[in-house]
């Protein structure tokens, strides 16, 4: 696959809308779900001669898993980009036109993470046509995963089915550097409750919003400052963000209920259970209800000295190929199931979810070449 073919492949992928319906329940049905992407990718992998399976993450939202089997089959590597995107609402470019301007391809998912899909497919196409590679002992899995943008569901379903590999590369925009560690995440809902009264006689009621004001002052003040003061030596400080607030039913009614949603990023040896218990103790006097929002992701810490990490780092040709990130990815799900994993892909995370999302085409070709070199080197290693 040459550079022009790689560009056309990426355009095909961006022109297949795959908005995660949980990210945007109001998105038109014609733009949501991963089924169209799954059909395209399954056909592509079949034509490469891979064994292909599909497994639903949710009805009509499948993972597509292709396996390239070498003659020896002693070791295996998984290329694991996701197929879903966030909402296209509010974009300032046509989200599904895949327009190319000044060496950039624009559209929803262009960088997050269809560029990684295209680069991985190009690398696999190139190595699978090499006779010496086919005769080697490295199997390659291509795992196109659904519903990453809402809780890493595709990776959870895949690993829950007992999937095994010796190494996994989660495809995300890293500017072609190798992310061996990233923060974990915990999403929480905190609720305060009061007693309704007429707005003209607030002393007869009990304001849930006033209680929540005390919660927010603590969370964004003393609590956030304490997190900042104790940074992890690799990942930096843990963080907390109040992302959503709901409260009250009318301007002239003392509110009986208020809710906020927190995004808490984890570092070091932190666990979700410990964070939850700490917040419950700290806020017990208000009091509050605290519950998980159903989304948590563990911390990623893959040993930089792992042979496959080193091989990928060398394949980049960069003097400082290893890095970390604040966001969470499917790599942590693989690592949590005993599969050493990193994050790697073309493009800049700053463009992910942006209203004018784009990827530099030169980065996509660079990522494909790096993955090709990595796979070739891994197949030769003993």
Protein backbone atom coordinates (compact mmCIF):
# COMPACT_ATOMS: atom_id res chain seq x y z
CA UNK A 1 0.00 0.00 0.00
CA UNK A 2 1.55 3.30 -1.09
CA UNK A 3 0.96 6.76 0.38
CA UNK A 4 -1.84 7.67 -2.05
CA UNK A 5 -3.66 4.43 -1.25
CA UNK A 6 -3.25 5.07 2.46
CA UNK A 7 -4.80 8.53 2.05
CA UNK A 8 -7.77 7.08 0.14
CA UNK A 9 -8.21 4.46 2.86
CA UNK A 10 -8.34 7.14 5.54
CA UNK A 11 -10.84 9.12 3.49
CA UNK A 12 -13.03 6.01 3.21
CA UNK A 13 -12.96 5.56 6.98
CA UNK A 14 -13.82 9.19 7.78
CA UNK A 15 -16.67 9.10 5.25
CA UNK A 16 -18.22 6.21 7.19
CA UNK A 17 -19.87 7.95 10.17
CA UNK A 18 -19.45 6.02 13.42
CA UNK A 19 -20.58 8.39 16.16
CA UNK A 20 -20.94 6.65 19.49
CA UNK A 21 -24.68 6.84 20.22
CA UNK A 22 -23.98 7.12 23.92
CA UNK A 23 -21.83 10.19 23.27
CA UNK A 24 -24.65 11.88 21.36
CA UNK A 25 -28.11 10.30 21.81
CA UNK A 26 -29.59 13.03 19.59
CA UNK A 27 -27.33 12.34 16.60
CA UNK A 28 -29.11 11.19 13.41
CA UNK A 29 -29.35 7.40 13.29
CA UNK A 30 -27.60 7.41 9.91
CA UNK A 31 -24.42 8.70 11.58
CA UNK A 32 -24.33 6.54 14.71
CA UNK A 33 -22.94 3.14 15.54
CA UNK A 34 -19.98 1.14 14.31
CA UNK A 35 -21.77 -1.35 12.05
CA UNK A 36 -20.80 0.34 8.77
CA UNK A 37 -17.18 0.57 9.87
CA UNK A 38 -17.29 -3.06 10.92
CA UNK A 39 -18.53 -4.14 7.49
CA UNK A 40 -15.78 -2.19 5.74
CA UNK A 41 -13.01 -3.42 8.02
CA UNK A 42 -14.14 -7.04 7.97
CA UNK A 43 -14.09 -6.99 4.18
CA UNK A 44 -10.64 -5.35 4.14
CA UNK A 45 -9.19 -7.92 6.53
CA UNK A 46 -10.80 -10.82 4.65
CA UNK A 47 -9.12 -9.62 1.46
CA UNK A 48 -5.77 -9.64 3.28
CA UNK A 49 -6.35 -13.29 4.05
CA UNK A 50 -6.93 -12.89 7.77
CA UNK A 51 -9.31 -15.00 9.83
CA UNK A 52 -12.04 -12.56 10.85
CA UNK A 53 -14.62 -12.64 13.62
CA UNK A 54 -17.23 -10.17 14.79
CA UNK A 55 -18.57 -9.95 18.32
CA UNK A 56 -21.29 -7.54 19.39
CA UNK A 57 -20.41 -5.15 22.19
CA UNK A 58 -24.02 -4.02 22.10
CA UNK A 59 -26.66 -5.07 19.56
CA UNK A 60 -25.47 -3.90 16.14
CA UNK A 61 -22.21 -2.48 17.52
CA UNK A 62 -19.51 -5.09 16.88
CA UNK A 63 -15.83 -5.50 17.50
CA UNK A 64 -14.03 -6.80 14.41
CA UNK A 65 -11.11 -9.11 15.17
CA UNK A 66 -8.76 -10.29 12.42
CA UNK A 67 -5.84 -12.65 12.89
CA UNK A 68 -2.78 -12.92 10.68
CA UNK A 69 -1.22 -16.32 11.39
CA UNK A 70 2.48 -16.77 10.76
CA UNK A 71 4.04 -20.13 10.11
CA UNK A 72 5.71 -20.28 13.53
CA UNK A 73 3.10 -18.53 15.66
CA UNK A 74 5.22 -18.36 18.82
CA UNK A 75 4.34 -14.79 19.77
CA UNK A 76 1.55 -12.35 19.03
CA UNK A 77 1.01 -8.60 18.82
CA UNK A 78 -2.36 -6.83 18.76
CA UNK A 79 -2.97 -3.57 16.88
CA UNK A 80 -6.03 -2.19 18.66
CA UNK A 81 -7.53 1.11 17.46
CA UNK A 82 -11.18 1.92 18.15
CA UNK A 83 -13.88 2.52 15.56
CA UNK A 84 -16.26 4.94 17.31
CA UNK A 85 -16.06 8.73 17.45
CA UNK A 86 -17.55 11.45 19.59
CA UNK A 87 -20.43 13.61 18.41
CA UNK A 88 -20.14 15.64 15.22
CA UNK A 89 -22.42 18.37 16.60
CA UNK A 90 -20.95 21.86 16.46
CA UNK A 91 -18.18 21.04 14.00
CA UNK A 92 -16.91 23.89 11.86
CA UNK A 93 -15.89 21.57 9.01
CA UNK A 94 -17.97 18.98 7.18
CA UNK A 95 -17.60 16.04 9.59
CA UNK A 96 -17.80 13.30 6.97
CA UNK A 97 -16.38 14.86 3.79
CA UNK A 98 -12.75 13.90 4.52
CA UNK A 99 -11.62 17.11 2.84
CA UNK A 100 -7.87 17.53 2.28
CA UNK A 101 -6.29 20.98 2.59
CA UNK A 102 -2.63 21.90 3.04
CA UNK A 103 -1.56 18.36 3.85
CA UNK A 104 -4.29 17.85 6.44
CA UNK A 105 -7.36 15.61 6.28
CA UNK A 106 -10.38 17.04 8.09
CA UNK A 107 -13.39 15.29 9.62
CA UNK A 108 -14.82 13.69 12.72
CA UNK A 109 -12.58 10.84 13.73
CA UNK A 110 -9.78 11.91 11.39
CA UNK A 111 -7.28 11.90 14.27
CA UNK A 112 -9.31 10.08 16.94
CA UNK A 113 -8.80 7.54 15.78
CA UNK A 114 -9.34 6.61 12.14
CA UNK A 115 -5.81 7.71 11.31
CA UNK A 116 -4.58 4.96 13.64
CA UNK A 117 -6.95 2.49 11.97
CA UNK A 118 -5.58 3.41 8.54
CA UNK A 119 -1.94 3.34 9.64
CA UNK A 120 -2.36 -0.07 11.24
CA UNK A 121 -4.10 -1.49 8.19
CA UNK A 122 -1.40 -0.12 5.91
CA UNK A 123 1.39 -1.60 8.03
CA UNK A 124 -0.36 -4.97 8.19
CA UNK A 125 -0.93 -4.93 4.43
CA UNK A 126 2.75 -4.27 3.78
CA UNK A 127 4.19 -6.91 6.12
CA UNK A 128 1.64 -9.59 5.25
CA UNK A 129 2.85 -9.53 1.64
CA UNK A 130 6.44 -10.26 2.71
CA UNK A 131 7.29 -13.95 2.34
CA UNK A 132 9.86 -13.88 5.14
CA UNK A 133 7.34 -12.26 7.48
CA UNK A 134 4.72 -14.89 6.70
CA UNK A 135 7.31 -17.58 7.35
CA UNK A 136 8.23 -16.09 10.74
CA UNK A 137 6.79 -16.70 14.18
CA UNK A 138 4.85 -13.48 14.90
CA UNK A 139 1.06 -13.58 14.71
CA UNK A 140 -0.68 -10.22 14.37
CA UNK A 141 -4.16 -9.47 15.66
CA UNK A 142 -6.04 -6.49 14.26
CA UNK A 143 -8.64 -5.52 16.84
CA UNK A 144 -11.07 -2.82 15.67
CA UNK A 145 -12.88 -1.98 18.90
CA UNK A 146 -16.31 -0.43 19.35
CA UNK A 147 -17.44 2.01 22.04
CA UNK A 148 -14.10 3.22 23.36
CA UNK A 149 -15.46 6.74 23.77
CA UNK A 150 -17.94 5.63 26.43
CA UNK A 151 -16.21 3.40 28.92
CA UNK A 152 -13.81 1.31 26.81
CA UNK A 153 -16.59 -1.19 26.23
CA UNK A 154 -15.10 -2.86 23.16
CA UNK A 155 -11.81 -3.60 24.93
CA UNK A 156 -13.65 -4.82 28.02
CA UNK A 157 -15.77 -7.22 25.98
CA UNK A 158 -12.74 -8.49 24.04
CA UNK A 159 -10.60 -9.14 27.11
CA UNK A 160 -13.61 -10.53 28.95
CA UNK A 161 -13.88 -13.18 26.25
CA UNK A 162 -10.40 -14.38 27.19
CA UNK A 163 -8.42 -12.66 24.42
CA UNK A 164 -4.66 -13.10 24.83
CA UNK A 165 -1.64 -11.58 23.12
CA UNK A 166 1.96 -10.91 24.11
CA UNK A 167 1.67 -7.17 23.47
CA UNK A 168 -0.99 -4.64 22.48
CA UNK A 169 -0.83 -1.21 20.87
CA UNK A 170 -3.90 0.94 21.46
CA UNK A 171 -4.23 3.30 18.49
CA UNK A 172 -4.62 6.90 19.61
CA UNK A 173 -3.01 10.21 18.56
CA UNK A 174 0.41 10.45 20.25
CA UNK A 175 2.35 12.26 17.49
CA UNK A 176 4.05 8.93 16.81
CA UNK A 177 5.57 8.68 20.27
CA UNK A 178 5.11 5.64 22.50
CA UNK A 179 2.96 6.21 25.60
CA UNK A 180 3.91 3.62 28.22
CA UNK A 181 1.99 5.18 31.13
CA UNK A 182 -1.17 7.22 31.59
CA UNK A 183 -3.50 8.27 34.35
CA UNK A 184 -6.53 6.28 35.37
CA UNK A 185 -10.02 7.75 35.59
CA UNK A 186 -13.01 7.58 37.88
CA UNK A 187 -16.33 9.29 37.13
CA UNK A 188 -18.54 10.02 40.12
CA UNK A 189 -21.96 11.49 40.84
CA UNK A 190 -22.48 13.44 44.07
CA UNK A 191 -26.01 14.28 45.18
CA UNK A 192 -27.20 16.61 47.93
CA UNK A 193 -30.77 16.64 49.20
CA UNK A 194 -32.82 19.37 50.87
CA UNK A 195 -36.43 20.29 51.63
CA UNK A 196 -38.73 22.19 49.30
CA UNK A 197 -40.29 25.49 50.30
CA UNK A 198 -41.62 28.60 48.57
CA UNK A 199 -38.90 30.88 47.23
CA UNK A 200 -40.42 33.76 49.18
CA UNK A 201 -39.88 31.90 52.46
CA UNK A 202 -36.52 30.14 52.01
CA UNK A 203 -36.03 29.77 55.79
CA UNK A 204 -38.82 27.17 55.79
CA UNK A 205 -36.88 24.96 53.41
CA UNK A 206 -33.43 23.47 53.10
CA UNK A 207 -31.48 24.24 49.93
CA UNK A 208 -29.74 21.30 48.25
CA UNK A 209 -27.89 23.80 46.05
CA UNK A 210 -26.47 25.60 49.09
CA UNK A 211 -25.18 22.25 50.36
CA UNK A 212 -23.68 21.53 46.96
CA UNK A 213 -21.90 24.89 47.03
CA UNK A 214 -20.08 23.66 50.12
CA UNK A 215 -19.22 20.42 48.30
CA UNK A 216 -17.81 22.26 45.29
CA UNK A 217 -15.79 24.64 47.45
CA UNK A 218 -14.17 21.67 49.15
CA UNK A 219 -13.61 19.62 45.98
CA UNK A 220 -12.11 22.44 43.90
CA UNK A 221 -10.35 24.06 46.84
CA UNK A 222 -8.81 22.03 49.64
CA UNK A 223 -9.16 18.65 47.91
CA UNK A 224 -7.75 19.78 44.55
CA UNK A 225 -4.87 21.59 46.27
CA UNK A 226 -3.95 18.46 48.22
CA UNK A 227 -3.86 16.41 45.01
CA UNK A 228 -1.67 19.00 43.30
CA UNK A 229 0.77 19.01 46.21
CA UNK A 230 1.52 15.29 45.91
CA UNK A 231 2.45 14.61 42.25
CA UNK A 232 3.35 11.17 40.96
CA UNK A 233 6.99 11.19 39.72
CA UNK A 234 5.95 9.81 36.31
CA UNK A 235 2.37 11.00 35.74
CA UNK A 236 2.27 14.23 37.73
CA UNK A 237 -0.58 15.15 40.08
CA UNK A 238 -3.98 13.55 40.29
CA UNK A 239 -6.74 15.96 39.23
CA UNK A 240 -10.43 16.55 39.78
CA UNK A 241 -12.94 18.38 37.59
CA UNK A 242 -16.60 19.25 38.14
CA UNK A 243 -17.99 18.66 34.67
CA UNK A 244 -21.78 18.67 35.15
CA UNK A 245 -24.23 20.25 37.60
CA UNK A 246 -28.02 19.90 37.85
CA UNK A 247 -30.24 21.34 40.55
CA UNK A 248 -33.62 22.83 41.35
CA UNK A 249 -36.98 22.77 39.65
CA UNK A 250 -37.97 26.43 39.53
CA UNK A 251 -36.65 29.89 40.31
CA UNK A 252 -39.24 30.40 43.08
CA UNK A 253 -38.75 27.00 44.73
CA UNK A 254 -36.16 26.05 47.33
CA UNK A 255 -34.32 23.16 45.65
CA UNK A 256 -34.73 19.70 47.16
CA UNK A 257 -32.02 18.06 45.06
CA UNK A 258 -28.72 18.96 43.39
CA UNK A 259 -26.24 16.76 41.52
CA UNK A 260 -22.72 17.18 40.20
CA UNK A 261 -20.56 14.83 38.17
CA UNK A 262 -16.83 14.59 38.83
CA UNK A 263 -13.96 13.45 36.65
CA UNK A 264 -11.19 12.25 38.97
CA UNK A 265 -7.87 11.25 37.34
CA UNK A 266 -5.83 8.66 39.23
CA UNK A 267 -2.06 8.35 39.67
CA UNK A 268 0.42 6.31 41.69
CA UNK A 269 -1.17 3.49 43.62
CA UNK A 270 -4.61 5.07 43.80
CA UNK A 271 -7.68 2.90 43.39
CA UNK A 272 -11.25 3.88 42.69
CA UNK A 273 -12.41 2.26 45.92
CA UNK A 274 -9.97 4.30 48.00
CA UNK A 275 -10.92 7.58 46.29
CA UNK A 276 -14.62 6.89 46.82
CA UNK A 277 -14.11 6.07 50.49
CA UNK A 278 -11.99 9.19 51.04
CA UNK A 279 -14.60 11.51 49.54
CA UNK A 280 -17.39 9.90 51.54
CA UNK A 281 -15.45 10.51 54.77
CA UNK A 282 -14.58 14.10 53.86
CA UNK A 283 -18.15 15.03 52.91
CA UNK A 284 -19.97 13.04 55.60
CA UNK A 285 -20.92 16.18 57.57
CA UNK A 286 -22.88 17.78 54.69
CA UNK A 287 -24.12 14.90 54.00
CA UNK A 288 -24.05 13.59 50.43
CA UNK A 289 -24.71 10.51 48.32
CA UNK A 290 -21.72 9.47 46.17
CA UNK A 291 -21.90 6.79 43.50
CA UNK A 292 -19.94 5.61 40.50
CA UNK A 293 -21.21 6.74 37.10
CA UNK A 294 -20.34 3.35 35.61
CA UNK A 295 -17.04 4.49 34.07
CA UNK A 296 -13.64 3.80 35.50
CA UNK A 297 -10.32 3.07 33.88
CA UNK A 298 -7.19 1.83 35.64
CA UNK A 299 -3.78 3.46 35.50
CA UNK A 300 -1.46 2.28 32.71
CA UNK A 301 2.13 1.52 33.74
CA UNK A 302 3.95 -0.66 31.23
CA UNK A 303 7.64 -1.28 31.87
CA UNK A 304 9.66 0.81 29.38
CA UNK A 305 12.23 -2.00 29.39
CA UNK A 306 9.75 -4.53 28.00
CA UNK A 307 11.24 -5.94 24.75
CA UNK A 308 8.23 -5.02 22.62
CA UNK A 309 8.15 -1.48 24.05
CA UNK A 310 11.82 -1.13 23.17
CA UNK A 311 11.27 -2.47 19.66
CA UNK A 312 8.46 0.01 19.01
CA UNK A 313 10.48 2.87 20.50
CA UNK A 314 13.45 2.06 18.25
CA UNK A 315 11.16 1.85 15.23
CA UNK A 316 10.15 5.49 15.73
CA UNK A 317 13.73 6.61 15.10
CA UNK A 318 13.29 9.39 17.64
CA UNK A 319 15.83 10.36 20.30
CA UNK A 320 13.07 10.51 22.97
CA UNK A 321 10.38 8.12 21.80
CA UNK A 322 8.73 7.35 25.17
CA UNK A 323 6.20 9.59 26.86
CA UNK A 324 3.12 9.64 29.11
CA UNK A 325 -0.35 11.16 28.86
CA UNK A 326 -3.16 12.39 31.11
CA UNK A 327 -6.00 10.79 29.17
CA UNK A 328 -7.08 7.16 29.52
CA UNK A 329 -7.18 4.55 26.76
CA UNK A 330 -7.93 0.92 25.93
CA UNK A 331 -4.27 0.14 26.65
CA UNK A 332 -5.07 0.13 30.38
CA UNK A 333 -7.82 -2.44 29.83
CA UNK A 334 -5.42 -4.77 28.03
CA UNK A 335 -2.77 -4.28 30.73
CA UNK A 336 -5.34 -5.01 33.42
CA UNK A 337 -5.86 -8.42 31.81
CA UNK A 338 -2.19 -9.28 31.76
CA UNK A 339 -1.35 -8.04 28.25
CA UNK A 340 1.52 -5.49 28.28
CA UNK A 341 0.28 -2.49 26.32
CA UNK A 342 1.19 0.98 25.08
CA UNK A 343 -0.52 3.78 23.19
CA UNK A 344 0.71 4.88 19.78
CA UNK A 345 -0.62 6.63 16.71
CA UNK A 346 -0.44 9.58 14.33
CA UNK A 347 -1.70 13.06 15.05
CA UNK A 348 -2.04 15.32 18.03
CA UNK A 349 -4.48 14.70 20.90
CA UNK A 350 -5.15 18.44 20.91
CA UNK A 351 -7.16 17.90 17.71
CA UNK A 352 -9.24 15.04 19.14
CA UNK A 353 -12.92 16.00 19.58
CA UNK A 354 -12.16 19.47 18.14
CA UNK A 355 -14.69 21.36 15.99
CA UNK A 356 -12.19 21.35 13.10
CA UNK A 357 -10.66 17.92 13.79
CA UNK A 358 -7.84 17.05 11.41
CA UNK A 359 -4.77 14.90 11.05
CA UNK A 360 -1.56 15.67 9.20
CA UNK A 361 -1.25 13.14 6.39
CA UNK A 362 2.52 12.99 6.77
CA UNK A 363 1.99 11.74 10.32
CA UNK A 364 -0.28 8.96 9.11
CA UNK A 365 2.35 7.73 6.67
CA UNK A 366 5.03 8.04 9.36
CA UNK A 367 2.93 5.94 11.77
CA UNK A 368 2.38 3.27 9.10
CA UNK A 369 6.13 3.07 8.44
CA UNK A 370 6.91 2.85 12.16
CA UNK A 371 4.42 0.03 12.68
CA UNK A 372 5.77 -1.75 9.62
CA UNK A 373 9.34 -1.52 10.97
CA UNK A 374 8.20 -2.63 14.42
CA UNK A 375 6.33 -5.69 13.13
CA UNK A 376 9.22 -6.68 10.91
CA UNK A 377 11.72 -6.33 13.77
CA UNK A 378 9.44 -8.16 16.21
CA UNK A 379 9.12 -11.06 13.78
CA UNK A 380 12.91 -11.38 13.64
CA UNK A 381 13.51 -11.15 17.38
CA UNK A 382 14.20 -14.36 19.29
